[in-house]
Amino acid sequence: MVNHMVQSEVLDRAFAALADPTRRGVLTRLGEGPATLGELAAPTGMTLTGLKKHVQVLEDAGLVTTAKVGRTRQCRLGGERLDEAMAWISHYQRLWERRLDGLEAYLTLQEGTTP
């Protein structure tokens, strides 16, 4: 029960973080390689403070890691949590595929039995 609760909290944080287009954009950019907060903020037109709040949400969700490098904060993807979210999605994708395959088989049978 505790493990299920922990997994739910992890997924809740990950999906909440992914719900925002700015944060998804940050993840897309970090998929190309590490970047500083300034490099992430520049194309969005956001202030460093505004972008830092988005990065903090991603970091709290385990989707991004940050480290101070000199006078800048370097950001990178932190994939473990994204892997957990993808595993959850994949589980339900397989479940729905099995159900839809069953429905397709049923409908095919019904088509063969109609006068």
N, C-alpha and C. Protein backbone atom coordinates (compact mmCIF):
# COMPACT_ATOMS: atom_id res chain seq x y z
N MET A 1 0.83 -1.20 0.00
CA MET A 1 0.00 0.00 0.00
C MET A 1 0.87 1.25 0.00
N VAL A 2 1.92 1.29 0.81
CA VAL A 2 2.79 2.45 0.87
C VAL A 2 3.48 2.65 -0.47
N ASN A 3 3.96 1.57 -1.09
CA ASN A 3 4.64 1.67 -2.38
C ASN A 3 3.70 2.25 -3.44
N HIS A 4 2.44 1.82 -3.42
CA HIS A 4 1.46 2.35 -4.37
C HIS A 4 1.24 3.85 -4.15
N MET A 5 1.20 4.27 -2.88
CA MET A 5 1.01 5.69 -2.57
C MET A 5 2.21 6.51 -3.04
N VAL A 6 3.40 5.97 -2.81
CA VAL A 6 4.62 6.67 -3.24
C VAL A 6 4.62 6.78 -4.76
N GLN A 7 4.28 5.68 -5.47
CA GLN A 7 4.24 5.70 -6.92
C GLN A 7 3.21 6.72 -7.41
N SER A 8 2.05 6.78 -6.77
CA SER A 8 1.03 7.75 -7.15
C SER A 8 1.53 9.18 -6.99
N GLU A 9 2.22 9.46 -5.90
CA GLU A 9 2.75 10.80 -5.68
C GLU A 9 3.79 11.16 -6.73
N VAL A 10 4.64 10.20 -7.07
CA VAL A 10 5.66 10.42 -8.09
C VAL A 10 5.00 10.72 -9.43
N LEU A 11 4.02 9.91 -9.80
CA LEU A 11 3.32 10.12 -11.07
C LEU A 11 2.54 11.43 -11.07
N ASP A 12 1.89 11.76 -9.95
CA ASP A 12 1.16 13.02 -9.86
C ASP A 12 2.08 14.20 -10.12
N ARG A 13 3.26 14.19 -9.49
CA ARG A 13 4.21 15.29 -9.69
C ARG A 13 4.71 15.35 -11.13
N ALA A 14 5.00 14.18 -11.70
CA ALA A 14 5.51 14.13 -13.08
C ALA A 14 4.45 14.64 -14.05
N PHE A 15 3.21 14.14 -13.94
CA PHE A 15 2.17 14.56 -14.88
C PHE A 15 1.79 16.02 -14.67
N ALA A 16 1.79 16.51 -13.45
CA ALA A 16 1.51 17.93 -13.20
C ALA A 16 2.60 18.79 -13.84
N ALA A 17 3.84 18.35 -13.72
CA ALA A 17 4.94 19.11 -14.33
C ALA A 17 4.83 19.09 -15.85
N LEU A 18 4.44 17.96 -16.42
CA LEU A 18 4.33 17.83 -17.87
C LEU A 18 3.11 18.54 -18.45
N ALA A 19 2.17 18.92 -17.60
CA ALA A 19 0.94 19.56 -18.07
C ALA A 19 1.17 20.96 -18.62
N ASP A 20 2.28 21.57 -18.28
CA ASP A 20 2.54 22.95 -18.69
C ASP A 20 3.40 22.99 -19.96
N PRO A 21 2.97 23.74 -20.98
CA PRO A 21 3.74 23.79 -22.23
C PRO A 21 5.14 24.38 -22.08
N THR A 22 5.32 25.33 -21.18
CA THR A 22 6.65 25.89 -20.96
C THR A 22 7.59 24.82 -20.43
N ARG A 23 7.11 24.02 -19.48
CA ARG A 23 7.95 22.96 -18.90
C ARG A 23 8.24 21.87 -19.93
N ARG A 24 7.25 21.54 -20.78
CA ARG A 24 7.52 20.57 -21.84
C ARG A 24 8.58 21.12 -22.80
N GLY A 25 8.53 22.43 -23.06
CA GLY A 25 9.55 23.06 -23.90
C GLY A 25 10.93 22.98 -23.29
N VAL A 26 11.00 23.16 -21.98
CA VAL A 26 12.29 23.03 -21.28
C VAL A 26 12.82 21.60 -21.45
N LEU A 27 11.96 20.62 -21.28
CA LEU A 27 12.39 19.22 -21.44
C LEU A 27 12.84 18.95 -22.87
N THR A 28 12.12 19.50 -23.84
CA THR A 28 12.51 19.31 -25.24
C THR A 28 13.89 19.90 -25.48
N ARG A 29 14.11 21.10 -24.97
CA ARG A 29 15.43 21.74 -25.14
C ARG A 29 16.51 20.95 -24.44
N LEU A 30 16.24 20.46 -23.24
CA LEU A 30 17.26 19.69 -22.50
C LEU A 30 17.51 18.33 -23.15
N GLY A 31 16.59 17.88 -23.97
CA GLY A 31 16.82 16.65 -24.73
C GLY A 31 17.96 16.80 -25.72
N GLU A 32 18.28 18.04 -26.08
CA GLU A 32 19.40 18.33 -26.98
C GLU A 32 20.72 18.40 -26.22
N GLY A 33 20.65 18.53 -24.90
CA GLY A 33 21.85 18.62 -24.08
C GLY A 33 21.65 19.60 -22.94
N PRO A 34 22.58 19.62 -22.00
CA PRO A 34 22.47 20.52 -20.84
C PRO A 34 22.40 21.98 -21.28
N ALA A 35 21.79 22.80 -20.42
CA ALA A 35 21.67 24.23 -20.70
C ALA A 35 21.61 24.98 -19.39
N THR A 36 22.01 26.24 -19.44
CA THR A 36 21.90 27.09 -18.26
C THR A 36 20.49 27.66 -18.21
N LEU A 37 20.14 28.21 -17.05
CA LEU A 37 18.83 28.86 -16.92
C LEU A 37 18.68 29.97 -17.95
N GLY A 38 19.74 30.73 -18.17
CA GLY A 38 19.70 31.82 -19.15
C GLY A 38 19.45 31.31 -20.56
N GLU A 39 20.09 30.21 -20.92
CA GLU A 39 19.88 29.62 -22.25
C GLU A 39 18.46 29.10 -22.41
N LEU A 40 17.89 28.60 -21.32
CA LEU A 40 16.50 28.10 -21.37
C LEU A 40 15.51 29.26 -21.42
N ALA A 41 15.82 30.35 -20.74
CA ALA A 41 14.90 31.49 -20.66
C ALA A 41 14.88 32.30 -21.95
N ALA A 42 16.02 32.41 -22.63
CA ALA A 42 16.15 33.31 -23.79
C ALA A 42 15.06 33.10 -24.84
N PRO A 43 14.82 31.90 -25.34
CA PRO A 43 13.82 31.77 -26.41
C PRO A 43 12.38 31.96 -25.93
N THR A 44 12.14 31.88 -24.64
CA THR A 44 10.77 32.01 -24.13
C THR A 44 10.39 33.44 -23.83
N GLY A 45 11.38 34.31 -23.68
CA GLY A 45 11.11 35.69 -23.31
C GLY A 45 10.79 35.84 -21.82
N MET A 46 10.98 34.77 -21.07
CA MET A 46 10.71 34.81 -19.62
C MET A 46 11.90 35.38 -18.88
N THR A 47 11.62 35.88 -17.69
CA THR A 47 12.71 36.30 -16.82
C THR A 47 13.38 35.05 -16.25
N LEU A 48 14.59 35.20 -15.76
CA LEU A 48 15.27 34.07 -15.12
C LEU A 48 14.46 33.58 -13.93
N THR A 49 13.88 34.49 -13.17
CA THR A 49 13.09 34.11 -12.01
C THR A 49 11.88 33.29 -12.42
N GLY A 50 11.19 33.72 -13.47
CA GLY A 50 10.02 32.99 -13.96
C GLY A 50 10.39 31.60 -14.44
N LEU A 51 11.47 31.52 -15.22
CA LEU A 51 11.88 30.21 -15.72
C LEU A 51 12.37 29.32 -14.60
N LYS A 52 13.04 29.91 -13.62
CA LYS A 52 13.56 29.12 -12.49
C LYS A 52 12.42 28.42 -11.76
N LYS A 53 11.26 29.07 -11.67
CA LYS A 53 10.10 28.45 -11.02
C LYS A 53 9.65 27.21 -11.80
N HIS A 54 9.66 27.29 -13.11
CA HIS A 54 9.30 26.13 -13.93
C HIS A 54 10.32 25.00 -13.77
N VAL A 55 11.59 25.38 -13.77
CA VAL A 55 12.64 24.37 -13.61
C VAL A 55 12.54 23.72 -12.23
N GLN A 56 12.17 24.50 -11.23
CA GLN A 56 12.02 23.95 -9.87
C GLN A 56 10.91 22.89 -9.84
N VAL A 57 9.81 23.15 -10.53
CA VAL A 57 8.72 22.17 -10.60
C VAL A 57 9.22 20.88 -11.27
N LEU A 58 9.97 21.04 -12.36
CA LEU A 58 10.53 19.88 -13.05
C LEU A 58 11.53 19.14 -12.17
N GLU A 59 12.32 19.89 -11.42
CA GLU A 59 13.30 19.28 -10.53
C GLU A 59 12.60 18.54 -9.39
N ASP A 60 11.56 19.14 -8.81
CA ASP A 60 10.79 18.48 -7.74
C ASP A 60 10.15 17.19 -8.23
N ALA A 61 9.80 17.16 -9.52
CA ALA A 61 9.19 15.97 -10.11
C ALA A 61 10.24 14.93 -10.51
N GLY A 62 11.51 15.28 -10.40
CA GLY A 62 12.59 14.35 -10.76
C GLY A 62 12.84 14.29 -12.26
N LEU A 63 12.31 15.25 -13.01
CA LEU A 63 12.47 15.24 -14.46
C LEU A 63 13.70 16.01 -14.92
N VAL A 64 14.22 16.87 -14.04
CA VAL A 64 15.38 17.70 -14.35
C VAL A 64 16.29 17.72 -13.13
N THR A 65 17.58 17.80 -13.37
CA THR A 65 18.52 18.03 -12.28
C THR A 65 19.25 19.33 -12.59
N THR A 66 19.64 20.03 -11.53
CA THR A 66 20.39 21.26 -11.72
C THR A 66 21.62 21.23 -10.82
N ALA A 67 22.63 21.95 -11.25
CA ALA A 67 23.86 22.07 -10.44
C ALA A 67 24.47 23.44 -10.71
N LYS A 68 24.99 24.03 -9.66
CA LYS A 68 25.64 25.33 -9.79
C LYS A 68 27.02 25.10 -10.41
N VAL A 69 27.28 25.79 -11.50
CA VAL A 69 28.57 25.71 -12.18
C VAL A 69 29.07 27.13 -12.33
N GLY A 70 30.01 27.48 -11.46
CA GLY A 70 30.49 28.86 -11.45
C GLY A 70 29.37 29.79 -11.03
N ARG A 71 29.04 30.75 -11.90
CA ARG A 71 27.99 31.72 -11.58
C ARG A 71 26.66 31.35 -12.22
N THR A 72 26.60 30.21 -12.87
CA THR A 72 25.36 29.81 -13.55
C THR A 72 24.81 28.52 -12.95
N ARG A 73 23.57 28.24 -13.27
CA ARG A 73 22.93 26.99 -12.86
C ARG A 73 22.72 26.16 -14.12
N GLN A 74 23.38 24.99 -14.16
CA GLN A 74 23.31 24.08 -15.30
C GLN A 74 22.15 23.10 -15.10
N CYS A 75 21.35 22.90 -16.12
CA CYS A 75 20.20 22.01 -16.06
C CYS A 75 20.41 20.84 -17.01
N ARG A 76 19.95 19.66 -16.59
CA ARG A 76 19.99 18.46 -17.43
C ARG A 76 18.75 17.64 -17.20
N LEU A 77 18.45 16.76 -18.15
CA LEU A 77 17.34 15.84 -17.96
C LEU A 77 17.65 14.90 -16.81
N GLY A 78 16.64 14.57 -16.02
CA GLY A 78 16.75 13.58 -14.96
C GLY A 78 15.72 12.50 -15.25
N GLY A 79 16.10 11.53 -16.06
CA GLY A 79 15.15 10.61 -16.68
C GLY A 79 14.47 9.56 -15.85
N GLU A 80 14.89 9.31 -14.62
CA GLU A 80 14.27 8.20 -13.89
C GLU A 80 12.77 8.38 -13.73
N ARG A 81 12.33 9.55 -13.37
CA ARG A 81 10.91 9.79 -13.16
C ARG A 81 10.14 9.72 -14.48
N LEU A 82 10.75 10.19 -15.55
CA LEU A 82 10.09 10.11 -16.84
C LEU A 82 9.94 8.64 -17.25
N ASP A 83 10.94 7.82 -16.92
CA ASP A 83 10.85 6.38 -17.18
C ASP A 83 9.67 5.78 -16.43
N GLU A 84 9.45 6.21 -15.19
CA GLU A 84 8.33 5.69 -14.40
C GLU A 84 6.99 6.10 -15.01
N ALA A 85 6.91 7.34 -15.48
CA ALA A 85 5.68 7.80 -16.13
C ALA A 85 5.44 7.03 -17.42
N MET A 86 6.49 6.80 -18.18
CA MET A 86 6.35 6.05 -19.44
C MET A 86 5.94 4.60 -19.16
N ALA A 87 6.45 4.00 -18.11
CA ALA A 87 6.06 2.63 -17.75
C ALA A 87 4.57 2.59 -17.41
N TRP A 88 4.09 3.58 -16.68
CA TRP A 88 2.68 3.65 -16.32
C TRP A 88 1.82 3.79 -17.57
N ILE A 89 2.22 4.70 -18.47
CA ILE A 89 1.48 4.90 -19.71
C ILE A 89 1.49 3.62 -20.55
N SER A 90 2.64 2.98 -20.65
CA SER A 90 2.76 1.75 -21.45
C SER A 90 1.86 0.64 -20.93
N HIS A 91 1.76 0.54 -19.61
CA HIS A 91 0.89 -0.47 -19.00
C HIS A 91 -0.56 -0.27 -19.48
N TYR A 92 -1.03 0.96 -19.42
CA TYR A 92 -2.41 1.23 -19.82
C TYR A 92 -2.59 1.18 -21.34
N GLN A 93 -1.56 1.49 -22.07
CA GLN A 93 -1.63 1.35 -23.52
C GLN A 93 -1.82 -0.12 -23.90
N ARG A 94 -1.04 -1.02 -23.28
CA ARG A 94 -1.19 -2.45 -23.55
C ARG A 94 -2.58 -2.94 -23.15
N LEU A 95 -3.09 -2.47 -22.02
CA LEU A 95 -4.42 -2.86 -21.55
C LEU A 95 -5.48 -2.46 -22.58
N TRP A 96 -5.43 -1.22 -23.06
CA TRP A 96 -6.41 -0.76 -24.04
C TRP A 96 -6.25 -1.46 -25.38
N GLU A 97 -5.01 -1.76 -25.77
CA GLU A 97 -4.81 -2.49 -27.02
C GLU A 97 -5.45 -3.87 -26.95
N ARG A 98 -5.30 -4.55 -25.80
CA ARG A 98 -5.93 -5.87 -25.64
C ARG A 98 -7.45 -5.74 -25.70
N ARG A 99 -7.99 -4.74 -25.05
CA ARG A 99 -9.45 -4.55 -25.07
C ARG A 99 -9.94 -4.23 -26.47
N LEU A 100 -9.24 -3.38 -27.18
CA LEU A 100 -9.65 -3.04 -28.53
C LEU A 100 -9.49 -4.23 -29.48
N ASP A 101 -8.46 -5.04 -29.27
CA ASP A 101 -8.30 -6.26 -30.08
C ASP A 101 -9.48 -7.20 -29.84
N GLY A 102 -9.91 -7.31 -28.59
CA GLY A 102 -11.06 -8.14 -28.25
C GLY A 102 -12.33 -7.61 -28.89
N LEU A 103 -12.50 -6.30 -28.87
CA LEU A 103 -13.67 -5.69 -29.50
C LEU A 103 -13.65 -5.92 -31.01
N GLU A 104 -12.49 -5.79 -31.60
CA GLU A 104 -12.37 -6.02 -33.04
C GLU A 104 -12.73 -7.47 -33.38
N ALA A 105 -12.25 -8.42 -32.59
CA ALA A 105 -12.57 -9.83 -32.83
C ALA A 105 -14.07 -10.05 -32.69
N TYR A 106 -14.68 -9.46 -31.68
CA TYR A 106 -16.12 -9.60 -31.46
C TYR A 106 -16.91 -9.04 -32.64
N LEU A 107 -16.54 -7.84 -33.09
CA LEU A 107 -17.24 -7.20 -34.20
C LEU A 107 -17.07 -7.99 -35.50
N THR A 108 -15.89 -8.55 -35.69
CA THR A 108 -15.65 -9.38 -36.87
C THR A 108 -16.55 -10.60 -36.85
N LEU A 109 -16.70 -11.21 -35.67
CA LEU A 109 -17.60 -12.35 -35.52
C LEU A 109 -19.03 -11.95 -35.80
N GLN A 110 -19.44 -10.80 -35.29
CA GLN A 110 -20.81 -10.32 -35.48
C GLN A 110 -21.08 -10.05 -36.95
N GLU A 111 -20.11 -9.52 -37.66
CA GLU A 111 -20.31 -9.26 -39.09
C GLU A 111 -20.52 -10.55 -39.85
N GLY A 112 -19.85 -11.61 -39.43
CA GLY A 112 -19.98 -12.90 -40.09
C GLY A 112 -21.30 -13.60 -39.79
N THR A 113 -22.00 -13.20 -38.73
CA THR A 113 -23.25 -13.87 -38.36
C THR A 113 -24.50 -13.09 -38.74
N THR A 114 -24.34 -11.89 -39.28
CA THR A 114 -25.52 -11.10 -39.65
C THR A 114 -26.07 -11.60 -40.99
N PRO A 115 -27.42 -11.64 -41.09
CA PRO A 115 -28.03 -12.16 -42.34
C PRO A 115 -27.79 -11.27 -43.54
